Amino acid sequence: MELKTLKTFQAIVNTGSFNRAAEELNYAQSTITMQIQKLEAELGMSLLERGKQQVSLTEAGRLLYEQSLRIVKDMELLESRLGELTAGEAGNLRLGATDPTASYRLPALLREFMTMHPGIDISVDIGSTPALTERLLKGELDMILCSVPEMGKGLHYEPLFTEKFVLLLPEDHPLAAEPQVTASQLREHRLLITAAGCPYRKKLESVLQESAGPPLNTMEIGSMSALKYYVQSGLGMALVPESTLTPLPIGTIGKRLQDGPVDMSCGIACRTADYPLQLAALSLYQFLKSELAEQPNVQTVNY
């Protein structure tokens, strides 16, 4: 029983004649007649009674008509969804992202993307680069926005933008009145830092060790996005992503280190085996690249 035959049968019932159904479907009348004869032969029963003015349904015909309405509607919907899937306009995607990208850049971008592609559903997991990398390699995520991953992971990574960091201090902090702040001065005061496995912390420690030796007075805060609130409460100072400081928290000020910037490269990654991505994943990948890339031509790296 073919879908087009069911549509022909419904057209005959709705129009009341073979002729009008043929005109509506743009078929020859002989084609309409042949389809119905084939359907009746396949089912082994008569479906239509041919009158002089119009056709009428047999009992079997009424049953087939009532049941086929939902079947045809479901099949048309399925065909449409499959077409959208093939065109990259439908699908379920699993995106991973590190903070602050996940909290500050991504919401508006996903709203725009999902407005453009209403058939694509997206779930977002937030975590550290190492944790998201492992989930990506296990196939639990389709792509991730992260800092540079470790080499030898089987990942295709494209750097997109630089996360710039600013020294955030309470307004009454001893260093707040200094015209310039150097890395060596940070050792004299409590510095709020992220968790040990965080790439941002590793970058920070590397810069501080080169400039001033390891920081002595630190307090670990597990969330990058929460750092500014701990500074606001007066617990210490912190190097905080500039993207999270619009506006500055009340009672704080921002300064740049004079020794040189503490910046992090961030980008998009997928498994090397999956690159280039296909269908809906490709649509999201290309959209995020176009919206986040700082320059049109970025260097791609396989890790």
C-alpha atoms as a PDB file:
ATOM      1  CA  MET A   1       0.000   0.000   0.000  1.00  0.00           C
ATOM      2  CA  GLU A   2       1.774   3.124  -1.246  1.00  0.00           C
ATOM      3  CA  LEU A   3       1.402   6.612   0.197  1.00  0.00           C
ATOM      4  CA  LYS A   4       0.584   8.137  -3.187  1.00  0.00           C
ATOM      5  CA  THR A   5      -2.206   5.579  -3.664  1.00  0.00           C
ATOM      6  CA  LEU A   6      -3.739   6.500  -0.307  1.00  0.00           C
ATOM      7  CA  LYS A   7      -3.582  10.169  -1.297  1.00  0.00           C
ATOM      8  CA  THR A   8      -5.328   9.321  -4.583  1.00  0.00           C
ATOM      9  CA  PHE A   9      -8.025   7.375  -2.721  1.00  0.00           C
ATOM     10  CA  GLN A  10      -8.614  10.296  -0.331  1.00  0.00           C
ATOM     11  CA  ALA A  11      -8.795  12.757  -3.242  1.00  0.00           C
ATOM     12  CA  ILE A  12     -11.501  10.653  -4.918  1.00  0.00           C
ATOM     13  CA  VAL A  13     -13.522  10.556  -1.698  1.00  0.00           C
ATOM     14  CA  ASN A  14     -13.076  14.289  -1.046  1.00  0.00           C
ATOM     15  CA  THR A  15     -13.953  15.392  -4.587  1.00  0.00           C
ATOM     16  CA  GLY A  16     -16.615  12.739  -5.176  1.00  0.00           C
ATOM     17  CA  SER A  17     -15.324  11.595  -8.567  1.00  0.00           C
ATOM     18  CA  PHE A  18     -12.400  10.116 -10.437  1.00  0.00           C
ATOM     19  CA  ASN A  19     -12.381  13.022 -12.906  1.00  0.00           C
ATOM     20  CA  ARG A  20     -12.129  15.772 -10.297  1.00  0.00           C
ATOM     21  CA  ALA A  21      -9.493  13.804  -8.345  1.00  0.00           C
ATOM     22  CA  ALA A  22      -7.429  13.450 -11.536  1.00  0.00           C
ATOM     23  CA  GLU A  23      -7.634  17.206 -12.129  1.00  0.00           C
ATOM     24  CA  GLU A  24      -6.692  18.005  -8.519  1.00  0.00           C
ATOM     25  CA  LEU A  25      -3.689  15.672  -8.530  1.00  0.00           C
ATOM     26  CA  ASN A  26      -2.717  16.485 -12.122  1.00  0.00           C
ATOM     27  CA  TYR A  27      -2.943  12.820 -13.117  1.00  0.00           C
ATOM     28  CA  ALA A  28      -4.497  11.193 -16.129  1.00  0.00           C
ATOM     29  CA  GLN A  29      -7.831   9.569 -15.248  1.00  0.00           C
ATOM     30  CA  SER A  30      -6.466   6.216 -16.371  1.00  0.00           C
ATOM     31  CA  THR A  31      -3.694   6.553 -13.772  1.00  0.00           C
ATOM     32  CA  ILE A  32      -6.253   7.229 -11.026  1.00  0.00           C
ATOM     33  CA  THR A  33      -8.336   4.239 -12.101  1.00  0.00           C
ATOM     34  CA  MET A  34      -5.288   1.951 -12.243  1.00  0.00           C
ATOM     35  CA  GLN A  35      -4.145   2.973  -8.733  1.00  0.00           C
ATOM     36  CA  ILE A  36      -7.539   2.242  -7.175  1.00  0.00           C
ATOM     37  CA  GLN A  37      -7.878  -1.077  -8.998  1.00  0.00           C
ATOM     38  CA  LYS A  38      -4.437  -2.074  -7.747  1.00  0.00           C
ATOM     39  CA  LEU A  39      -5.337  -1.048  -4.189  1.00  0.00           C
ATOM     40  CA  GLU A  40      -8.600  -2.987  -4.236  1.00  0.00           C
ATOM     41  CA  ALA A  41      -6.815  -6.036  -5.635  1.00  0.00           C
ATOM     42  CA  GLU A  42      -4.144  -5.779  -2.948  1.00  0.00           C
ATOM     43  CA  LEU A  43      -6.759  -5.611  -0.181  1.00  0.00           C
ATOM     44  CA  GLY A  44      -9.080  -8.158  -1.801  1.00  0.00           C
ATOM     45  CA  MET A  45     -12.197  -6.033  -1.407  1.00  0.00           C
ATOM     46  CA  SER A  46     -14.123  -3.243  -3.072  1.00  0.00           C
ATOM     47  CA  LEU A  47     -13.589   0.251  -1.665  1.00  0.00           C
ATOM     48  CA  LEU A  48     -15.679   2.458  -3.946  1.00  0.00           C
ATOM     49  CA  GLU A  49     -19.078   2.136  -5.597  1.00  0.00           C
ATOM     50  CA  ARG A  50     -19.168   3.963  -8.921  1.00  0.00           C
ATOM     51  CA  GLY A  51     -22.402   5.882  -9.501  1.00  0.00           C
ATOM     52  CA  LYS A  52     -23.492   7.971 -12.460  1.00  0.00           C
ATOM     53  CA  GLN A  53     -22.908  11.287 -10.687  1.00  0.00           C
ATOM     54  CA  GLN A  54     -20.338  10.440  -8.016  1.00  0.00           C
ATOM     55  CA  VAL A  55     -18.634   7.620  -6.179  1.00  0.00           C
ATOM     56  CA  SER A  56     -19.577   6.399  -2.704  1.00  0.00           C
ATOM     57  CA  LEU A  57     -17.703   4.381  -0.112  1.00  0.00           C
ATOM     58  CA  THR A  58     -18.269   0.756   0.744  1.00  0.00           C
ATOM     59  CA  GLU A  59     -17.998  -0.264   4.394  1.00  0.00           C
ATOM     60  CA  ALA A  60     -14.353  -1.268   3.801  1.00  0.00           C
ATOM     61  CA  GLY A  61     -13.803   2.021   2.009  1.00  0.00           C
ATOM     62  CA  ARG A  62     -15.139   4.032   4.960  1.00  0.00           C
ATOM     63  CA  LEU A  63     -12.819   2.171   7.339  1.00  0.00           C
ATOM     64  CA  LEU A  64      -9.800   2.697   5.076  1.00  0.00           C
ATOM     65  CA  TYR A  65     -10.623   6.381   4.575  1.00  0.00           C
ATOM     66  CA  GLU A  66     -10.982   7.096   8.310  1.00  0.00           C
ATOM     67  CA  GLN A  67      -7.789   5.243   9.230  1.00  0.00           C
ATOM     68  CA  SER A  68      -5.747   6.552   6.310  1.00  0.00           C
ATOM     69  CA  LEU A  69      -6.296  10.208   7.178  1.00  0.00           C
ATOM     70  CA  ARG A  70      -3.967   9.961  10.163  1.00  0.00           C
ATOM     71  CA  ILE A  71      -1.535   7.691   8.315  1.00  0.00           C
ATOM     72  CA  VAL A  72      -1.124  10.133   5.423  1.00  0.00           C
ATOM     73  CA  LYS A  73      -0.761  13.099   7.784  1.00  0.00           C
ATOM     74  CA  ASP A  74       1.910  11.298   9.825  1.00  0.00           C
ATOM     75  CA  MET A  75       3.783  10.211   6.712  1.00  0.00           C
ATOM     76  CA  GLU A  76       3.763  13.745   5.278  1.00  0.00           C
ATOM     77  CA  LEU A  77       5.079  15.068   8.584  1.00  0.00           C
ATOM     78  CA  LEU A  78       7.771  12.387   8.609  1.00  0.00           C
ATOM     79  CA  GLU A  79       8.804  13.232   5.046  1.00  0.00           C
ATOM     80  CA  SER A  80       9.010  16.901   5.990  1.00  0.00           C
ATOM     81  CA  ARG A  81      11.116  16.185   9.081  1.00  0.00           C
ATOM     82  CA  LEU A  82      13.439  13.901   7.129  1.00  0.00           C
ATOM     83  CA  GLY A  83      13.836  16.613   4.507  1.00  0.00           C
ATOM     84  CA  GLU A  84      14.702  19.155   7.211  1.00  0.00           C
ATOM     85  CA  LEU A  85      17.164  16.706   8.738  1.00  0.00           C
ATOM     86  CA  THR A  86      18.883  16.168   5.396  1.00  0.00           C
ATOM     87  CA  ALA A  87      19.055  19.929   4.866  1.00  0.00           C
ATOM     88  CA  GLY A  88      20.540  20.478   8.327  1.00  0.00           C
ATOM     89  CA  GLU A  89      17.361  22.162   9.582  1.00  0.00           C
ATOM     90  CA  ALA A  90      16.380  19.558  12.175  1.00  0.00           C
ATOM     91  CA  GLY A  91      18.118  17.492  14.810  1.00  0.00           C
ATOM     92  CA  ASN A  92      19.155  17.278  18.459  1.00  0.00           C
ATOM     93  CA  LEU A  93      22.575  18.711  19.286  1.00  0.00           C
ATOM     94  CA  ARG A  94      24.655  18.448  22.468  1.00  0.00           C
ATOM     95  CA  LEU A  95      26.926  21.438  22.988  1.00  0.00           C
ATOM     96  CA  GLY A  96      29.520  21.816  25.728  1.00  0.00           C
ATOM     97  CA  ALA A  97      30.960  25.157  26.814  1.00  0.00           C
ATOM     98  CA  THR A  98      33.286  26.554  29.441  1.00  0.00           C
ATOM     99  CA  ASP A  99      32.583  29.678  31.447  1.00  0.00           C
ATOM    100  CA  PRO A 100      32.525  32.580  30.896  1.00  0.00           C
ATOM    101  CA  THR A 101      31.574  31.741  27.298  1.00  0.00           C
ATOM    102  CA  ALA A 102      28.657  29.580  28.424  1.00  0.00           C
ATOM    103  CA  SER A 103      27.150  32.288  30.638  1.00  0.00           C
ATOM    104  CA  TYR A 104      28.003  35.510  28.821  1.00  0.00           C
ATOM    105  CA  ARG A 105      28.429  34.870  25.093  1.00  0.00           C
ATOM    106  CA  LEU A 106      26.366  31.805  24.354  1.00  0.00           C
ATOM    107  CA  PRO A 107      22.780  32.641  25.471  1.00  0.00           C
ATOM    108  CA  ALA A 108      22.193  35.419  22.931  1.00  0.00           C
ATOM    109  CA  LEU A 109      23.914  33.437  20.173  1.00  0.00           C
ATOM    110  CA  LEU A 110      21.791  30.340  20.754  1.00  0.00           C
ATOM    111  CA  ARG A 111      18.614  32.426  20.833  1.00  0.00           C
ATOM    112  CA  GLU A 112      19.514  33.832  17.412  1.00  0.00           C
ATOM    113  CA  PHE A 113      20.487  30.427  16.000  1.00  0.00           C
ATOM    114  CA  MET A 114      17.366  28.661  17.272  1.00  0.00           C
ATOM    115  CA  THR A 115      15.182  31.441  15.875  1.00  0.00           C
ATOM    116  CA  MET A 116      16.807  30.886  12.497  1.00  0.00           C
ATOM    117  CA  HIS A 117      16.573  27.078  12.826  1.00  0.00           C
ATOM    118  CA  PRO A 118      13.440  26.254  14.867  1.00  0.00           C
ATOM    119  CA  GLY A 119      13.688  22.564  14.011  1.00  0.00           C
ATOM    120  CA  ILE A 120      17.037  22.138  15.777  1.00  0.00           C
ATOM    121  CA  ASP A 121      17.003  21.390  19.517  1.00  0.00           C
ATOM    122  CA  ILE A 122      20.132  22.122  21.570  1.00  0.00           C
ATOM    123  CA  SER A 123      21.208  21.065  25.049  1.00  0.00           C
ATOM    124  CA  VAL A 124      24.107  22.862  26.763  1.00  0.00           C
ATOM    125  CA  ASP A 125      26.522  21.300  29.254  1.00  0.00           C
ATOM    126  CA  ILE A 126      28.844  23.608  31.198  1.00  0.00           C
ATOM    127  CA  GLY A 127      32.176  22.422  32.554  1.00  0.00           C
ATOM    128  CA  SER A 128      35.940  22.716  32.428  1.00  0.00           C
ATOM    129  CA  THR A 129      37.919  22.136  29.244  1.00  0.00           C
ATOM    130  CA  PRO A 130      39.351  18.774  30.469  1.00  0.00           C
ATOM    131  CA  ALA A 131      35.921  17.497  31.546  1.00  0.00           C
ATOM    132  CA  LEU A 132      34.198  18.583  28.340  1.00  0.00           C
ATOM    133  CA  THR A 133      37.017  17.155  26.238  1.00  0.00           C
ATOM    134  CA  GLU A 134      36.569  13.727  27.786  1.00  0.00           C
ATOM    135  CA  ARG A 135      32.808  13.812  27.229  1.00  0.00           C
ATOM    136  CA  LEU A 136      33.346  14.886  23.621  1.00  0.00           C
ATOM    137  CA  LEU A 137      35.717  11.972  23.012  1.00  0.00           C
ATOM    138  CA  LYS A 138      33.165   9.546  24.515  1.00  0.00           C
ATOM    139  CA  GLY A 139      30.542  10.770  22.043  1.00  0.00           C
ATOM    140  CA  GLU A 140      28.412  12.392  24.748  1.00  0.00           C
ATOM    141  CA  LEU A 141      28.789  15.842  23.141  1.00  0.00           C
ATOM    142  CA  ASP A 142      28.796  16.923  19.492  1.00  0.00           C
ATOM    143  CA  MET A 143      31.108  19.927  19.881  1.00  0.00           C
ATOM    144  CA  ILE A 144      32.532  22.149  22.605  1.00  0.00           C
ATOM    145  CA  LEU A 145      33.562  25.763  23.092  1.00  0.00           C
ATOM    146  CA  CYS A 146      36.685  25.710  25.237  1.00  0.00           C
ATOM    147  CA  SER A 147      40.262  26.821  25.812  1.00  0.00           C
ATOM    148  CA  VAL A 148      43.060  25.039  23.951  1.00  0.00           C
ATOM    149  CA  PRO A 149      42.775  21.295  24.705  1.00  0.00           C
ATOM    150  CA  GLU A 150      45.702  19.011  25.465  1.00  0.00           C
ATOM    151  CA  MET A 151      47.579  17.582  22.502  1.00  0.00           C
ATOM    152  CA  GLY A 152      47.130  13.950  21.472  1.00  0.00           C
ATOM    153  CA  LYS A 153      43.398  13.876  22.198  1.00  0.00           C
ATOM    154  CA  GLY A 154      42.094  13.191  18.693  1.00  0.00           C
ATOM    155  CA  LEU A 155      40.341  16.554  18.472  1.00  0.00           C
ATOM    156  CA  HIS A 156      39.919  19.095  15.703  1.00  0.00           C
ATOM    157  CA  TYR A 157      40.267  22.536  17.314  1.00  0.00           C
ATOM    158  CA  GLU A 158      39.832  25.981  15.775  1.00  0.00           C
ATOM    159  CA  PRO A 159      40.809  29.050  17.858  1.00  0.00           C
ATOM    160  CA  LEU A 160      38.192  31.779  17.542  1.00  0.00           C
ATOM    161  CA  PHE A 161      38.745  34.554  20.069  1.00  0.00           C
ATOM    162  CA  THR A 162      40.900  35.710  22.966  1.00  0.00           C
ATOM    163  CA  GLU A 163      39.474  35.938  26.474  1.00  0.00           C
ATOM    164  CA  LYS A 164      41.081  39.029  28.032  1.00  0.00           C
ATOM    165  CA  PHE A 165      41.520  39.245  31.808  1.00  0.00           C
ATOM    166  CA  VAL A 166      41.316  42.273  34.104  1.00  0.00           C
ATOM    167  CA  LEU A 167      42.427  42.589  37.716  1.00  0.00           C
ATOM    168  CA  LEU A 168      39.272  43.216  39.743  1.00  0.00           C
ATOM    169  CA  LEU A 169      39.636  44.783  43.202  1.00  0.00           C
ATOM    170  CA  PRO A 170      37.326  46.145  45.900  1.00  0.00           C
ATOM    171  CA  GLU A 171      37.234  49.929  45.850  1.00  0.00           C
ATOM    172  CA  ASP A 172      38.884  50.072  49.293  1.00  0.00           C
ATOM    173  CA  HIS A 173      41.661  47.600  48.407  1.00  0.00           C
ATOM    174  CA  PRO A 174      45.226  48.845  49.112  1.00  0.00           C
ATOM    175  CA  LEU A 175      46.114  48.490  45.420  1.00  0.00           C
ATOM    176  CA  ALA A 176      43.027  50.373  44.202  1.00  0.00           C
ATOM    177  CA  ALA A 177      44.778  53.730  44.463  1.00  0.00           C
ATOM    178  CA  GLU A 178      47.945  52.570  42.692  1.00  0.00           C
ATOM    179  CA  PRO A 179      48.344  54.159  39.232  1.00  0.00           C
ATOM    180  CA  GLN A 180      49.884  50.894  38.000  1.00  0.00           C
ATOM    181  CA  VAL A 181      49.731  47.347  39.359  1.00  0.00           C
ATOM    182  CA  THR A 182      52.436  44.775  38.655  1.00  0.00           C
ATOM    183  CA  ALA A 183      52.416  41.018  39.151  1.00  0.00           C
ATOM    184  CA  SER A 184      54.933  41.304  41.994  1.00  0.00           C
ATOM    185  CA  GLN A 185      52.448  43.407  43.991  1.00  0.00           C
ATOM    186  CA  LEU A 186      49.859  40.630  43.857  1.00  0.00           C
ATOM    187  CA  ARG A 187      51.943  38.460  46.195  1.00  0.00           C
ATOM    188  CA  GLU A 188      51.284  40.869  49.040  1.00  0.00           C
ATOM    189  CA  HIS A 189      47.502  40.398  48.991  1.00  0.00           C
ATOM    190  CA  ARG A 190      44.924  37.601  48.854  1.00  0.00           C
ATOM    191  CA  LEU A 191      44.336  36.439  45.297  1.00  0.00           C
ATOM    192  CA  LEU A 192      41.147  34.563  44.436  1.00  0.00           C
ATOM    193  CA  ILE A 193      41.787  31.730  41.963  1.00  0.00           C
ATOM    194  CA  THR A 194      39.800  28.981  40.256  1.00  0.00           C
ATOM    195  CA  ALA A 195      40.119  25.214  40.777  1.00  0.00           C
ATOM    196  CA  ALA A 196      43.460  23.470  40.253  1.00  0.00           C
ATOM    197  CA  GLY A 197      42.479  21.736  36.981  1.00  0.00           C
ATOM    198  CA  CYS A 198      41.144  24.914  35.370  1.00  0.00           C
ATOM    199  CA  PRO A 199      43.186  26.027  32.304  1.00  0.00           C
ATOM    200  CA  TYR A 200      42.590  29.651  33.278  1.00  0.00           C
ATOM    201  CA  ARG A 201      44.304  29.048  36.605  1.00  0.00           C
ATOM    202  CA  LYS A 202      47.229  27.273  34.936  1.00  0.00           C
ATOM    203  CA  LYS A 203      47.691  30.236  32.606  1.00  0.00           C
ATOM    204  CA  LEU A 204      47.499  32.671  35.511  1.00  0.00           C
ATOM    205  CA  GLU A 205      50.003  30.730  37.608  1.00  0.00           C
ATOM    206  CA  SER A 206      52.395  30.525  34.665  1.00  0.00           C
ATOM    207  CA  VAL A 207      52.333  34.292  34.146  1.00  0.00           C
ATOM    208  CA  LEU A 208      52.681  35.061  37.838  1.00  0.00           C
ATOM    209  CA  GLN A 209      55.531  32.609  38.320  1.00  0.00           C
ATOM    210  CA  GLU A 210      57.447  34.202  35.450  1.00  0.00           C
ATOM    211  CA  SER A 211      56.884  37.683  36.843  1.00  0.00           C
ATOM    212  CA  ALA A 212      56.847  37.332  40.584  1.00  0.00           C
ATOM    213  CA  GLY A 213      57.203  33.747  41.741  1.00  0.00           C
ATOM    214  CA  PRO A 214      54.257  31.633  42.902  1.00  0.00           C
ATOM    215  CA  PRO A 215      51.432  33.529  44.632  1.00  0.00           C
ATOM    216  CA  LEU A 216      51.512  32.945  48.382  1.00  0.00           C
ATOM    217  CA  ASN A 217      48.111  34.052  49.619  1.00  0.00           C
ATOM    218  CA  THR A 218      45.338  32.470  47.599  1.00  0.00           C
ATOM    219  CA  MET A 219      41.734  31.434  48.052  1.00  0.00           C
ATOM    220  CA  GLU A 220      40.219  28.895  45.677  1.00  0.00           C
ATOM    221  CA  ILE A 221      36.794  29.618  44.172  1.00  0.00           C
ATOM    222  CA  GLY A 222      35.331  26.812  42.066  1.00  0.00           C
ATOM    223  CA  SER A 223      33.437  28.989  39.576  1.00  0.00           C
ATOM    224  CA  MET A 224      34.991  31.413  37.113  1.00  0.00           C
ATOM    225  CA  SER A 225      31.724  33.331  36.838  1.00  0.00           C
ATOM    226  CA  ALA A 226      31.458  33.661  40.631  1.00  0.00           C
ATOM    227  CA  LEU A 227      34.856  35.302  41.114  1.00  0.00           C
ATOM    228  CA  LYS A 228      33.583  38.858  40.710  1.00  0.00           C
ATOM    229  CA  TYR A 229      31.002  38.400  43.462  1.00  0.00           C
ATOM    230  CA  TYR A 230      33.664  37.216  45.907  1.00  0.00           C
ATOM    231  CA  VAL A 231      35.748  40.261  45.024  1.00  0.00           C
ATOM    232  CA  GLN A 232      32.676  42.450  45.529  1.00  0.00           C
ATOM    233  CA  SER A 233      32.257  40.983  49.006  1.00  0.00           C
ATOM    234  CA  GLY A 234      35.793  42.064  49.896  1.00  0.00           C
ATOM    235  CA  LEU A 235      37.372  38.611  50.160  1.00  0.00           C
ATOM    236  CA  GLY A 236      40.237  39.514  47.853  1.00  0.00           C
ATOM    237  CA  MET A 237      41.203  40.443  44.320  1.00  0.00           C
ATOM    238  CA  ALA A 238      41.022  38.305  41.187  1.00  0.00           C
ATOM    239  CA  LEU A 239      41.948  38.260  37.531  1.00  0.00           C
ATOM    240  CA  VAL A 240      38.528  38.077  35.913  1.00  0.00           C
ATOM    241  CA  PRO A 241      37.455  37.746  32.256  1.00  0.00           C
ATOM    242  CA  GLU A 242      36.723  41.213  30.880  1.00  0.00           C
ATOM    243  CA  SER A 243      33.578  39.881  29.201  1.00  0.00           C
ATOM    244  CA  THR A 244      31.987  39.357  32.640  1.00  0.00           C
ATOM    245  CA  LEU A 245      32.508  42.931  33.807  1.00  0.00           C
ATOM    246  CA  THR A 246      29.878  44.891  31.890  1.00  0.00           C
ATOM    247  CA  PRO A 247      28.944  46.600  34.084  1.00  0.00           C
ATOM    248  CA  LEU A 248      31.517  46.422  36.867  1.00  0.00           C
ATOM    249  CA  PRO A 249      30.058  45.065  40.114  1.00  0.00           C
ATOM    250  CA  ILE A 250      29.179  47.887  42.506  1.00  0.00           C
ATOM    251  CA  GLY A 251      32.049  48.665  44.835  1.00  0.00           C
ATOM    252  CA  THR A 252      34.799  47.297  42.586  1.00  0.00           C
ATOM    253  CA  ILE A 253      37.326  48.684  40.118  1.00  0.00           C
ATOM    254  CA  GLY A 254      39.245  47.050  37.272  1.00  0.00           C
ATOM    255  CA  LYS A 255      42.901  47.436  36.377  1.00  0.00           C
ATOM    256  CA  ARG A 256      45.216  45.858  33.829  1.00  0.00           C
ATOM    257  CA  LEU A 257      48.478  44.308  34.945  1.00  0.00           C
ATOM    258  CA  GLN A 258      51.452  46.306  33.714  1.00  0.00           C
ATOM    259  CA  ASP A 259      53.643  43.209  33.277  1.00  0.00           C
ATOM    260  CA  GLY A 260      51.636  42.068  30.288  1.00  0.00           C
ATOM    261  CA  PRO A 261      48.169  40.694  29.598  1.00  0.00           C
ATOM    262  CA  VAL A 262      46.822  37.459  31.075  1.00  0.00           C
ATOM    263  CA  ASP A 263      44.814  36.271  28.075  1.00  0.00           C
ATOM    264  CA  MET A 264      43.436  32.890  27.007  1.00  0.00           C
ATOM    265  CA  SER A 265      42.775  31.584  23.516  1.00  0.00           C
ATOM    266  CA  CYS A 266      39.321  30.042  23.142  1.00  0.00           C
ATOM    267  CA  GLY A 267      37.795  28.132  20.261  1.00  0.00           C
ATOM    268  CA  ILE A 268      35.562  25.352  19.044  1.00  0.00           C
ATOM    269  CA  ALA A 269      36.375  21.635  18.978  1.00  0.00           C
ATOM    270  CA  CYS A 270      34.903  18.389  17.725  1.00  0.00           C
ATOM    271  CA  ARG A 271      36.319  14.914  17.305  1.00  0.00           C
ATOM    272  CA  THR A 272      38.795  14.625  14.429  1.00  0.00           C
ATOM    273  CA  ALA A 273      36.893  11.570  13.197  1.00  0.00           C
ATOM    274  CA  ASP A 274      33.691  13.647  12.936  1.00  0.00           C
ATOM    275  CA  TYR A 275      35.226  16.596  11.081  1.00  0.00           C
ATOM    276  CA  PRO A 276      33.830  18.061   8.923  1.00  0.00           C
ATOM    277  CA  LEU A 277      30.522  17.820  10.758  1.00  0.00           C
ATOM    278  CA  GLN A 278      27.301  17.088   8.915  1.00  0.00           C
ATOM    279  CA  LEU A 279      23.693  18.264   8.832  1.00  0.00           C
ATOM    280  CA  ALA A 280      22.455  20.233  11.877  1.00  0.00           C
ATOM    281  CA  ALA A 281      25.812  19.967  13.654  1.00  0.00           C
ATOM    282  CA  LEU A 282      27.505  21.624  10.693  1.00  0.00           C
ATOM    283  CA  SER A 283      24.956  24.462  10.759  1.00  0.00           C
ATOM    284  CA  LEU A 284      25.648  25.182  14.436  1.00  0.00           C
ATOM    285  CA  TYR A 285      29.412  24.800  14.038  1.00  0.00           C
ATOM    286  CA  GLN A 286      29.544  27.282  11.161  1.00  0.00           C
ATOM    287  CA  PHE A 287      27.244  29.735  12.950  1.00  0.00           C
ATOM    288  CA  LEU A 288      29.341  29.762  16.129  1.00  0.00           C
ATOM    289  CA  LYS A 289      32.517  30.213  14.095  1.00  0.00           C
ATOM    290  CA  SER A 290      31.086  33.148  12.175  1.00  0.00           C
ATOM    291  CA  GLU A 291      29.803  34.861  15.326  1.00  0.00           C
ATOM    292  CA  LEU A 292      32.776  34.276  17.620  1.00  0.00           C
ATOM    293  CA  ALA A 293      35.787  34.452  15.316  1.00  0.00           C
ATOM    294  CA  GLU A 294      37.905  37.581  15.774  1.00  0.00           C
ATOM    295  CA  GLN A 295      39.398  37.293  12.295  1.00  0.00           C
ATOM    296  CA  PRO A 296      38.132  35.618   9.106  1.00  0.00           C
ATOM    297  CA  ASN A 297      41.014  33.185   8.678  1.00  0.00           C
ATOM    298  CA  VAL A 298      41.961  31.220  11.776  1.00  0.00           C
ATOM    299  CA  GLN A 299      44.462  28.413  12.049  1.00  0.00           C
ATOM    300  CA  THR A 300      42.988  24.963  12.627  1.00  0.00           C
ATOM    301  CA  VAL A 301      44.798  22.411  14.739  1.00  0.00           C
ATOM    302  CA  ASN A 302      44.351  18.687  15.287  1.00  0.00           C
ATOM    303  CA  TYR A 303      45.081  17.503  18.823  1.00  0.00           C
END
